[in-house]
Amino acid sequence: MIDETLTMIPGPTPVHPRILAALARPTVSHVAPSFVETFKRALADFRALCQSAAGQPFVVSGGGTLSMEMALVNLVPPGGKILVVTQGYFGDRYAELASAFGISPDLLRSEWGRAVSPA
């Protein structure tokens, strides 16, 4: 039985029995035929959702910063330049990452909630 008392500290955290049951299921190898088929369906569904039949989605097992780093180091060489349109934390973070990889960011700051004109 799970204690229904809400504790507002880092732990312990009550977890719904449905979630505990899902976590108790056996894991499936990333090379198992069932996983491969499920993954193919997930990618196809994502392409349909994005209305991009020819696009290649990437599933990244990591935080958003990892995805940002992957985009930078695979598209821009060290010493290269990028334009970062920023409205705050994430744009500024992208510029910091670029600098860390030897990429020169040119920042175009915009007020939060305002569209940036292509001009």
Protein backbone atom coordinates (compact mmCIF):
# COMPACT_ATOMS: atom_id res chain seq x y z
CA MET A 1 0.00 0.00 0.00
CA ILE A 2 1.30 3.45 -0.92
CA ASP A 3 1.19 6.23 1.62
CA GLU A 4 -0.98 9.01 0.13
CA THR A 5 0.79 11.72 2.16
CA LEU A 6 2.30 14.35 -0.12
CA THR A 7 5.87 15.12 0.88
CA MET A 8 7.37 18.25 -0.67
CA ILE A 9 11.04 17.31 -0.21
CA PRO A 10 13.44 15.56 -2.59
CA GLY A 11 12.24 12.15 -1.44
CA PRO A 12 10.71 9.73 -0.87
CA THR A 13 8.23 10.31 -3.69
CA PRO A 14 4.96 8.37 -3.88
CA VAL A 15 4.71 6.44 -7.14
CA HIS A 16 1.42 5.22 -8.59
CA PRO A 17 1.09 1.41 -8.68
CA ARG A 18 0.54 1.52 -12.46
CA ILE A 19 3.96 3.12 -12.89
CA LEU A 20 5.61 0.66 -10.53
CA ALA A 21 4.07 -2.21 -12.52
CA ALA A 22 5.41 -0.76 -15.78
CA LEU A 23 8.88 -0.40 -14.26
CA ALA A 24 8.77 -4.03 -13.10
CA ARG A 25 8.36 -5.34 -16.66
CA PRO A 26 11.42 -6.99 -18.19
CA THR A 27 13.59 -4.79 -20.37
CA VAL A 28 13.95 -5.45 -24.09
CA SER A 29 17.33 -5.39 -25.80
CA HIS A 30 17.90 -2.67 -28.38
CA VAL A 31 18.79 -5.41 -30.89
CA ALA A 32 15.77 -7.62 -30.21
CA PRO A 33 13.46 -7.99 -33.24
CA SER A 34 10.49 -6.75 -31.20
CA PHE A 35 12.37 -3.58 -30.24
CA VAL A 36 13.52 -2.97 -33.82
CA GLU A 37 9.93 -3.19 -35.10
CA THR A 38 8.60 -0.95 -32.33
CA PHE A 39 11.34 1.59 -32.98
CA LYS A 40 10.64 1.61 -36.73
CA ARG A 41 6.96 2.26 -36.03
CA ALA A 42 7.84 5.07 -33.60
CA LEU A 43 10.05 6.76 -36.21
CA ALA A 44 7.37 6.39 -38.90
CA ASP A 45 4.73 7.81 -36.55
CA PHE A 46 7.00 10.74 -35.71
CA ARG A 47 7.57 11.45 -39.41
CA ALA A 48 3.79 11.45 -39.93
CA LEU A 49 3.30 13.76 -36.94
CA CYS A 50 5.85 16.21 -38.38
CA GLN A 51 4.41 15.79 -41.90
CA SER A 52 7.86 14.86 -43.20
CA ALA A 53 7.85 11.47 -44.93
CA ALA A 54 11.48 11.87 -46.03
CA GLY A 55 12.86 13.36 -42.79
CA GLN A 56 15.16 11.39 -40.52
CA PRO A 57 14.23 11.82 -36.86
CA PHE A 58 16.88 11.21 -34.22
CA VAL A 59 16.00 9.74 -30.85
CA VAL A 60 18.54 10.96 -28.33
CA SER A 61 19.00 9.24 -25.00
CA GLY A 62 20.08 12.26 -23.04
CA GLY A 63 19.14 15.76 -22.05
CA GLY A 64 18.31 18.62 -24.35
CA THR A 65 21.87 19.91 -24.03
CA LEU A 66 23.14 16.70 -25.64
CA SER A 67 20.89 17.30 -28.66
CA MET A 68 22.12 20.88 -28.91
CA GLU A 69 25.74 19.70 -28.78
CA MET A 70 25.09 17.04 -31.43
CA ALA A 71 23.64 19.62 -33.80
CA LEU A 72 26.56 21.99 -33.31
CA VAL A 73 29.46 19.57 -33.68
CA ASN A 74 27.91 17.72 -36.63
CA LEU A 75 26.94 20.80 -38.64
CA VAL A 76 29.47 23.53 -37.82
CA PRO A 77 33.26 23.04 -37.85
CA PRO A 78 35.49 24.52 -35.16
CA GLY A 79 36.25 28.07 -36.20
CA GLY A 80 32.90 28.30 -37.96
CA LYS A 81 30.23 30.89 -37.29
CA ILE A 82 26.53 30.61 -36.44
CA LEU A 83 23.67 33.00 -35.89
CA VAL A 84 21.80 32.41 -32.63
CA VAL A 85 18.42 34.08 -32.28
CA THR A 86 17.88 34.24 -28.55
CA GLN A 87 15.02 35.25 -26.33
CA GLY A 88 16.60 34.07 -23.12
CA TYR A 89 18.07 31.06 -21.39
CA PHE A 90 18.11 28.43 -24.14
CA GLY A 91 19.37 30.72 -26.88
CA ASP A 92 22.07 32.03 -24.56
CA ARG A 93 22.93 28.45 -23.60
CA TYR A 94 23.28 27.52 -27.28
CA ALA A 95 25.71 30.40 -27.78
CA GLU A 96 27.75 29.25 -24.75
CA LEU A 97 27.92 25.71 -26.13
CA ALA A 98 29.03 27.00 -29.51
CA SER A 99 31.84 28.97 -27.90
CA ALA A 100 32.91 25.91 -25.91
CA PHE A 101 33.34 24.00 -29.19
CA GLY A 102 35.32 26.80 -30.86
CA ILE A 103 32.35 28.02 -32.87
CA SER A 104 31.74 31.76 -33.01
CA PRO A 105 28.12 32.68 -32.20
CA ASP A 106 26.63 35.93 -33.46
CA LEU A 107 23.73 36.71 -31.11
CA LEU A 108 20.54 38.36 -32.27
CA ARG A 109 18.57 39.16 -29.12
CA SER A 110 14.83 39.48 -29.24
CA GLU A 111 12.28 40.38 -26.63
CA TRP A 112 10.45 37.38 -25.17
CA GLY A 113 7.22 36.70 -27.04
CA ARG A 114 8.11 38.88 -30.04
CA ALA A 115 8.68 37.44 -33.49
CA VAL A 116 12.02 38.17 -35.09
CA SER A 117 11.78 39.75 -38.53
CA PRO A 118 13.78 37.91 -41.24
CA ALA A 119 15.20 41.32 -42.20
